[in-house]
Amino acid sequence: MLAFLYYPGIEVDDPSYSLAEDIDWCLARLGDVSNLERERMRALFARAITDPTATREELFTALVKLDGVLDVDRHE
């Protein structure tokens, strides 16, 4: 959702905009994850918001691994 609202230069058009706040909003929804995973997801969320097409698969894979839904190592 946040990727739909983001565009290059939004900080100029809307000085109150903060990419860091958007990332924190996403991180708050992860629940209890390690600090290492939280920092990894922080970087993925930042890239997914600013360039969603380039990061879509990597973010999806990371999210399902966190939830244990998919055994990514054996997924084809």
PDB file of N, CA and C in Angstrom:
ATOM      1  N   MET A   1       0.814  -1.189   0.000  1.00  0.00           N
ATOM      2  CA  MET A   1       0.000   0.000   0.000  1.00  0.00           C
ATOM      3  C   MET A   1       0.864   1.262   0.000  1.00  0.00           C
ATOM      4  N   LEU A   2       1.882   1.257   0.838  1.00  0.00           N
ATOM      5  CA  LEU A   2       2.723   2.450   0.938  1.00  0.00           C
ATOM      6  C   LEU A   2       3.477   2.727  -0.354  1.00  0.00           C
ATOM      7  N   ALA A   3       3.779   1.691  -1.111  1.00  0.00           N
ATOM      8  CA  ALA A   3       4.472   1.884  -2.388  1.00  0.00           C
ATOM      9  C   ALA A   3       3.603   2.651  -3.375  1.00  0.00           C
ATOM     10  N   PHE A   4       2.285   2.500  -3.272  1.00  0.00           N
ATOM     11  CA  PHE A   4       1.383   3.243  -4.156  1.00  0.00           C
ATOM     12  C   PHE A   4       1.406   4.740  -3.853  1.00  0.00           C
ATOM     13  N   LEU A   5       1.671   5.091  -2.618  1.00  0.00           N
ATOM     14  CA  LEU A   5       1.655   6.491  -2.205  1.00  0.00           C
ATOM     15  C   LEU A   5       2.993   7.193  -2.403  1.00  0.00           C
ATOM     16  N   TYR A   6       4.055   6.410  -2.490  1.00  0.00           N
ATOM     17  CA  TYR A   6       5.397   6.986  -2.602  1.00  0.00           C
ATOM     18  C   TYR A   6       5.717   7.354  -4.051  1.00  0.00           C
ATOM     19  N   TYR A   7       6.441   8.435  -4.215  1.00  0.00           N
ATOM     20  CA  TYR A   7       7.009   8.794  -5.518  1.00  0.00           C
ATOM     21  C   TYR A   7       8.261   9.627  -5.270  1.00  0.00           C
ATOM     22  N   PRO A   8       9.247   9.548  -6.183  1.00  0.00           N
ATOM     23  CA  PRO A   8      10.455  10.359  -6.003  1.00  0.00           C
ATOM     24  C   PRO A   8      10.097  11.842  -5.910  1.00  0.00           C
ATOM     25  N   GLY A   9      10.611  12.488  -4.901  1.00  0.00           N
ATOM     26  CA  GLY A   9      10.335  13.904  -4.701  1.00  0.00           C
ATOM     27  C   GLY A   9       9.188  14.180  -3.746  1.00  0.00           C
ATOM     28  N   ILE A  10       8.592  13.150  -3.174  1.00  0.00           N
ATOM     29  CA  ILE A  10       7.466  13.361  -2.252  1.00  0.00           C
ATOM     30  C   ILE A  10       7.898  14.225  -1.062  1.00  0.00           C
ATOM     31  N   GLU A  11       9.160  14.080  -0.641  1.00  0.00           N
ATOM     32  CA  GLU A  11       9.643  14.868   0.495  1.00  0.00           C
ATOM     33  C   GLU A  11       9.618  16.363   0.196  1.00  0.00           C
ATOM     34  N   VAL A  12       9.807  16.723  -1.071  1.00  0.00           N
ATOM     35  CA  VAL A  12       9.764  18.134  -1.470  1.00  0.00           C
ATOM     36  C   VAL A  12       8.318  18.618  -1.498  1.00  0.00           C
ATOM     37  N   ASP A  13       7.438  17.805  -2.078  1.00  0.00           N
ATOM     38  CA  ASP A  13       6.028  18.170  -2.174  1.00  0.00           C
ATOM     39  C   ASP A  13       5.318  18.138  -0.825  1.00  0.00           C
ATOM     40  N   ASP A  14       5.742  17.224   0.044  1.00  0.00           N
ATOM     41  CA  ASP A  14       5.113  17.066   1.354  1.00  0.00           C
ATOM     42  C   ASP A  14       6.210  16.968   2.413  1.00  0.00           C
ATOM     43  N   PRO A  15       6.634  18.100   2.965  1.00  0.00           N
ATOM     44  CA  PRO A  15       7.726  18.098   3.944  1.00  0.00           C
ATOM     45  C   PRO A  15       7.449  17.244   5.185  1.00  0.00           C
ATOM     46  N   SER A  16       6.202  16.917   5.444  1.00  0.00           N
ATOM     47  CA  SER A  16       5.894  16.092   6.607  1.00  0.00           C
ATOM     48  C   SER A  16       6.077  14.600   6.323  1.00  0.00           C
ATOM     49  N   TYR A  17       6.297  14.240   5.059  1.00  0.00           N
ATOM     50  CA  TYR A  17       6.459  12.827   4.706  1.00  0.00           C
ATOM     51  C   TYR A  17       7.770  12.290   5.266  1.00  0.00           C
ATOM     52  N   SER A  18       7.730  11.056   5.749  1.00  0.00           N
ATOM     53  CA  SER A  18       8.933  10.415   6.275  1.00  0.00           C
ATOM     54  C   SER A  18       8.944   8.947   5.863  1.00  0.00           C
ATOM     55  N   LEU A  19       9.907   8.578   5.044  1.00  0.00           N
ATOM     56  CA  LEU A  19      10.064   7.176   4.667  1.00  0.00           C
ATOM     57  C   LEU A  19      10.321   6.329   5.908  1.00  0.00           C
ATOM     58  N   ALA A  20      11.092   6.856   6.844  1.00  0.00           N
ATOM     59  CA  ALA A  20      11.389   6.133   8.082  1.00  0.00           C
ATOM     60  C   ALA A  20      10.110   5.813   8.856  1.00  0.00           C
ATOM     61  N   GLU A  21       9.155   6.729   8.890  1.00  0.00           N
ATOM     62  CA  GLU A  21       7.880   6.469   9.574  1.00  0.00           C
ATOM     63  C   GLU A  21       7.090   5.381   8.858  1.00  0.00           C
ATOM     64  N   ASP A  22       7.112   5.389   7.531  1.00  0.00           N
ATOM     65  CA  ASP A  22       6.425   4.333   6.781  1.00  0.00           C
ATOM     66  C   ASP A  22       7.053   2.972   7.069  1.00  0.00           C
ATOM     67  N   ILE A  23       8.370   2.941   7.124  1.00  0.00           N
ATOM     68  CA  ILE A  23       9.070   1.687   7.419  1.00  0.00           C
ATOM     69  C   ILE A  23       8.748   1.226   8.834  1.00  0.00           C
ATOM     70  N   ASP A  24       8.756   2.138   9.796  1.00  0.00           N
ATOM     71  CA  ASP A  24       8.405   1.794  11.176  1.00  0.00           C
ATOM     72  C   ASP A  24       6.989   1.243  11.259  1.00  0.00           C
ATOM     73  N   TRP A  25       6.071   1.794  10.470  1.00  0.00           N
ATOM     74  CA  TRP A  25       4.685   1.307  10.440  1.00  0.00           C
ATOM     75  C   TRP A  25       4.663  -0.153   9.993  1.00  0.00           C
ATOM     76  N   CYS A  26       5.431  -0.470   8.974  1.00  0.00           N
ATOM     77  CA  CYS A  26       5.507  -1.853   8.485  1.00  0.00           C
ATOM     78  C   CYS A  26       6.131  -2.772   9.533  1.00  0.00           C
ATOM     79  N   LEU A  27       7.208  -2.322  10.140  1.00  0.00           N
ATOM     80  CA  LEU A  27       7.906  -3.139  11.132  1.00  0.00           C
ATOM     81  C   LEU A  27       7.030  -3.443  12.341  1.00  0.00           C
ATOM     82  N   ALA A  28       6.183  -2.511  12.716  1.00  0.00           N
ATOM     83  CA  ALA A  28       5.307  -2.709  13.874  1.00  0.00           C
ATOM     84  C   ALA A  28       4.356  -3.881  13.663  1.00  0.00           C
ATOM     85  N   ARG A  29       4.091  -4.221  12.427  1.00  0.00           N
ATOM     86  CA  ARG A  29       3.163  -5.296  12.120  1.00  0.00           C
ATOM     87  C   ARG A  29       3.830  -6.666  12.037  1.00  0.00           C
ATOM     88  N   LEU A  30       5.146  -6.719  12.192  1.00  0.00           N
ATOM     89  CA  LEU A  30       5.857  -7.994  12.112  1.00  0.00           C
ATOM     90  C   LEU A  30       5.714  -8.830  13.371  1.00  0.00           C
ATOM     91  N   GLY A  31       5.453  -8.183  14.487  1.00  0.00           N
ATOM     92  CA  GLY A  31       5.379  -8.923  15.736  1.00  0.00           C
ATOM     93  C   GLY A  31       6.763  -9.142  16.323  1.00  0.00           C
ATOM     94  N   ASP A  32       6.945 -10.277  16.974  1.00  0.00           N
ATOM     95  CA  ASP A  32       8.174 -10.570  17.701  1.00  0.00           C
ATOM     96  C   ASP A  32       9.188 -11.240  16.778  1.00  0.00           C
ATOM     97  N   VAL A  33      10.125 -10.459  16.263  1.00  0.00           N
ATOM     98  CA  VAL A  33      11.208 -10.994  15.436  1.00  0.00           C
ATOM     99  C   VAL A  33      12.540 -10.502  16.006  1.00  0.00           C
ATOM    100  N   SER A  34      13.592 -11.210  15.682  1.00  0.00           N
ATOM    101  CA  SER A  34      14.914 -10.838  16.198  1.00  0.00           C
ATOM    102  C   SER A  34      15.345  -9.480  15.647  1.00  0.00           C
ATOM    103  N   ASN A  35      16.288  -8.865  16.341  1.00  0.00           N
ATOM    104  CA  ASN A  35      16.819  -7.579  15.877  1.00  0.00           C
ATOM    105  C   ASN A  35      17.467  -7.718  14.511  1.00  0.00           C
ATOM    106  N   LEU A  36      18.133  -8.838  14.272  1.00  0.00           N
ATOM    107  CA  LEU A  36      18.765  -9.078  12.976  1.00  0.00           C
ATOM    108  C   LEU A  36      17.717  -9.128  11.866  1.00  0.00           C
ATOM    109  N   GLU A  37      16.646  -9.878  12.099  1.00  0.00           N
ATOM    110  CA  GLU A  37      15.566  -9.957  11.110  1.00  0.00           C
ATOM    111  C   GLU A  37      14.872  -8.612  10.947  1.00  0.00           C
ATOM    112  N   ARG A  38      14.708  -7.892  12.033  1.00  0.00           N
ATOM    113  CA  ARG A  38      14.054  -6.583  11.974  1.00  0.00           C
ATOM    114  C   ARG A  38      14.866  -5.626  11.090  1.00  0.00           C
ATOM    115  N   GLU A  39      16.181  -5.629  11.226  1.00  0.00           N
ATOM    116  CA  GLU A  39      17.017  -4.753  10.401  1.00  0.00           C
ATOM    117  C   GLU A  39      17.002  -5.198   8.943  1.00  0.00           C
ATOM    118  N   ARG A  40      16.996  -6.497   8.723  1.00  0.00           N
ATOM    119  CA  ARG A  40      16.905  -7.013   7.355  1.00  0.00           C
ATOM    120  C   ARG A  40      15.590  -6.588   6.715  1.00  0.00           C
ATOM    121  N   MET A  41      14.506  -6.720   7.457  1.00  0.00           N
ATOM    122  CA  MET A  41      13.192  -6.349   6.941  1.00  0.00           C
ATOM    123  C   MET A  41      13.097  -4.833   6.754  1.00  0.00           C
ATOM    124  N   ARG A  42      13.746  -4.069   7.609  1.00  0.00           N
ATOM    125  CA  ARG A  42      13.760  -2.600   7.465  1.00  0.00           C
ATOM    126  C   ARG A  42      14.322  -2.233   6.088  1.00  0.00           C
ATOM    127  N   ALA A  43      15.424  -2.851   5.712  1.00  0.00           N
ATOM    128  CA  ALA A  43      16.033  -2.571   4.409  1.00  0.00           C
ATOM    129  C   ALA A  43      15.125  -3.025   3.269  1.00  0.00           C
ATOM    130  N   LEU A  44      14.506  -4.188   3.417  1.00  0.00           N
ATOM    131  CA  LEU A  44      13.595  -4.679   2.374  1.00  0.00           C
ATOM    132  C   LEU A  44      12.366  -3.786   2.238  1.00  0.00           C
ATOM    133  N   PHE A  45      11.810  -3.354   3.357  1.00  0.00           N
ATOM    134  CA  PHE A  45      10.644  -2.464   3.292  1.00  0.00           C
ATOM    135  C   PHE A  45      11.006  -1.153   2.607  1.00  0.00           C
ATOM    136  N   ALA A  46      12.164  -0.617   2.932  1.00  0.00           N
ATOM    137  CA  ALA A  46      12.586   0.643   2.301  1.00  0.00           C
ATOM    138  C   ALA A  46      12.672   0.474   0.793  1.00  0.00           C
ATOM    139  N   ARG A  47      13.289  -0.615   0.361  1.00  0.00           N
ATOM    140  CA  ARG A  47      13.408  -0.838  -1.084  1.00  0.00           C
ATOM    141  C   ARG A  47      12.055  -1.134  -1.713  1.00  0.00           C
ATOM    142  N   ALA A  48      11.198  -1.849  -1.004  1.00  0.00           N
ATOM    143  CA  ALA A  48       9.881  -2.187  -1.555  1.00  0.00           C
ATOM    144  C   ALA A  48       8.997  -0.954  -1.705  1.00  0.00           C
ATOM    145  N   ILE A  49       9.138  -0.003  -0.818  1.00  0.00           N
ATOM    146  CA  ILE A  49       8.348   1.228  -0.910  1.00  0.00           C
ATOM    147  C   ILE A  49       8.853   2.094  -2.057  1.00  0.00           C
ATOM    148  N   THR A  50      10.171   2.196  -2.185  1.00  0.00           N
ATOM    149  CA  THR A  50      10.728   3.106  -3.188  1.00  0.00           C
ATOM    150  C   THR A  50      10.860   2.484  -4.574  1.00  0.00           C
ATOM    151  N   ASP A  51      10.942   1.158  -4.660  1.00  0.00           N
ATOM    152  CA  ASP A  51      11.052   0.473  -5.954  1.00  0.00           C
ATOM    153  C   ASP A  51      10.403  -0.904  -5.846  1.00  0.00           C
ATOM    154  N   PRO A  52       9.083  -0.952  -5.783  1.00  0.00           N
ATOM    155  CA  PRO A  52       8.383  -2.196  -5.491  1.00  0.00           C
ATOM    156  C   PRO A  52       8.621  -3.319  -6.499  1.00  0.00           C
ATOM    157  N   THR A  53       8.742  -3.004  -7.750  1.00  0.00           N
ATOM    158  CA  THR A  53       8.915  -4.045  -8.753  1.00  0.00           C
ATOM    159  C   THR A  53      10.231  -4.790  -8.555  1.00  0.00           C
ATOM    160  N   ALA A  54      11.275  -4.081  -8.220  1.00  0.00           N
ATOM    161  CA  ALA A  54      12.591  -4.693  -8.061  1.00  0.00           C
ATOM    162  C   ALA A  54      12.690  -5.565  -6.815  1.00  0.00           C
ATOM    163  N   THR A  55      11.831  -5.349  -5.846  1.00  0.00           N
ATOM    164  CA  THR A  55      11.960  -6.000  -4.543  1.00  0.00           C
ATOM    165  C   THR A  55      10.827  -6.971  -4.227  1.00  0.00           C
ATOM    166  N   ARG A  56       9.825  -7.006  -5.054  1.00  0.00           N
ATOM    167  CA  ARG A  56       8.604  -7.770  -4.758  1.00  0.00           C
ATOM    168  C   ARG A  56       8.887  -9.215  -4.342  1.00  0.00           C
ATOM    169  N   GLU A  57       9.609  -9.970  -5.143  1.00  0.00           N
ATOM    170  CA  GLU A  57       9.839 -11.385  -4.847  1.00  0.00           C
ATOM    171  C   GLU A  57      10.677 -11.576  -3.583  1.00  0.00           C
ATOM    172  N   GLU A  58      11.717 -10.779  -3.443  1.00  0.00           N
ATOM    173  CA  GLU A  58      12.578 -10.894  -2.264  1.00  0.00           C
ATOM    174  C   GLU A  58      11.810 -10.579  -0.981  1.00  0.00           C
ATOM    175  N   LEU A  59      10.967  -9.560  -1.007  1.00  0.00           N
ATOM    176  CA  LEU A  59      10.171  -9.208   0.171  1.00  0.00           C
ATOM    177  C   LEU A  59       9.156 -10.299   0.483  1.00  0.00           C
ATOM    178  N   PHE A  60       8.465 -10.795  -0.524  1.00  0.00           N
ATOM    179  CA  PHE A  60       7.482 -11.862  -0.307  1.00  0.00           C
ATOM    180  C   PHE A  60       8.156 -13.082   0.322  1.00  0.00           C
ATOM    181  N   THR A  61       9.282 -13.482  -0.233  1.00  0.00           N
ATOM    182  CA  THR A  61      10.001 -14.645   0.284  1.00  0.00           C
ATOM    183  C   THR A  61      10.421 -14.426   1.732  1.00  0.00           C
ATOM    184  N   ALA A  62      10.933 -13.255   2.050  1.00  0.00           N
ATOM    185  CA  ALA A  62      11.354 -12.956   3.420  1.00  0.00           C
ATOM    186  C   ALA A  62      10.171 -12.985   4.382  1.00  0.00           C
ATOM    187  N   LEU A  63       9.041 -12.457   3.958  1.00  0.00           N
ATOM    188  CA  LEU A  63       7.857 -12.440   4.828  1.00  0.00           C
ATOM    189  C   LEU A  63       7.335 -13.844   5.098  1.00  0.00           C
ATOM    190  N   VAL A  64       7.267 -14.689   4.084  1.00  0.00           N
ATOM    191  CA  VAL A  64       6.756 -16.040   4.325  1.00  0.00           C
ATOM    192  C   VAL A  64       7.747 -16.872   5.127  1.00  0.00           C
ATOM    193  N   LYS A  65       9.037 -16.607   4.980  1.00  0.00           N
ATOM    194  CA  LYS A  65      10.019 -17.293   5.818  1.00  0.00           C
ATOM    195  C   LYS A  65       9.828 -16.913   7.286  1.00  0.00           C
ATOM    196  N   LEU A  66       9.572 -15.638   7.542  1.00  0.00           N
ATOM    197  CA  LEU A  66       9.341 -15.190   8.917  1.00  0.00           C
ATOM    198  C   LEU A  66       8.138 -15.887   9.523  1.00  0.00           C
ATOM    199  N   ASP A  67       7.124 -16.088   8.712  1.00  0.00           N
ATOM    200  CA  ASP A  67       5.892 -16.704   9.193  1.00  0.00           C
ATOM    201  C   ASP A  67       5.972 -18.227   9.172  1.00  0.00           C
ATOM    202  N   GLY A  68       6.999 -18.771   8.530  1.00  0.00           N
ATOM    203  CA  GLY A  68       7.139 -20.217   8.456  1.00  0.00           C
ATOM    204  C   GLY A  68       6.149 -20.870   7.514  1.00  0.00           C
ATOM    205  N   VAL A  69       5.552 -20.112   6.622  1.00  0.00           N
ATOM    206  CA  VAL A  69       4.537 -20.632   5.716  1.00  0.00           C
ATOM    207  C   VAL A  69       5.151 -21.462   4.602  1.00  0.00           C
ATOM    208  N   LEU A  70       6.344 -21.106   4.191  1.00  0.00           N
ATOM    209  CA  LEU A  70       6.940 -21.705   3.008  1.00  0.00           C
ATOM    210  C   LEU A  70       8.362 -22.139   3.308  1.00  0.00           C
ATOM    211  N   ASP A  71       8.670 -23.370   2.950  1.00  0.00           N
ATOM    212  CA  ASP A  71      10.045 -23.839   3.051  1.00  0.00           C
ATOM    213  C   ASP A  71      10.752 -23.369   1.795  1.00  0.00           C
ATOM    214  N   VAL A  72      11.296 -22.179   1.847  1.00  0.00           N
ATOM    215  CA  VAL A  72      11.834 -21.517   0.659  1.00  0.00           C
ATOM    216  C   VAL A  72      12.993 -22.295   0.059  1.00  0.00           C
ATOM    217  N   ASP A  73      13.758 -22.980   0.865  1.00  0.00           N
ATOM    218  CA  ASP A  73      14.907 -23.709   0.338  1.00  0.00           C
ATOM    219  C   ASP A  73      14.490 -24.828  -0.608  1.00  0.00           C
ATOM    220  N   ARG A  74      13.286 -25.327  -0.464  1.00  0.00           N
ATOM    221  CA  ARG A  74      12.829 -26.411  -1.328  1.00  0.00           C
ATOM    222  C   ARG A  74      11.748 -25.967  -2.291  1.00  0.00           C
ATOM    223  N   HIS A  75      11.436 -24.698  -2.328  1.00  0.00           N
ATOM    224  CA  HIS A  75      10.383 -24.181  -3.206  1.00  0.00           C
ATOM    225  C   HIS A  75      10.923 -23.974  -4.610  1.00  0.00           C
ATOM    226  N   GLU A  76      10.155 -24.404  -5.589  1.00  0.00           N
ATOM    227  CA  GLU A  76      10.571 -24.209  -6.987  1.00  0.00           C
ATOM    228  C   GLU A  76       9.640 -23.281  -7.698  1.00  0.00           C
TER     229      GLU A  76
END
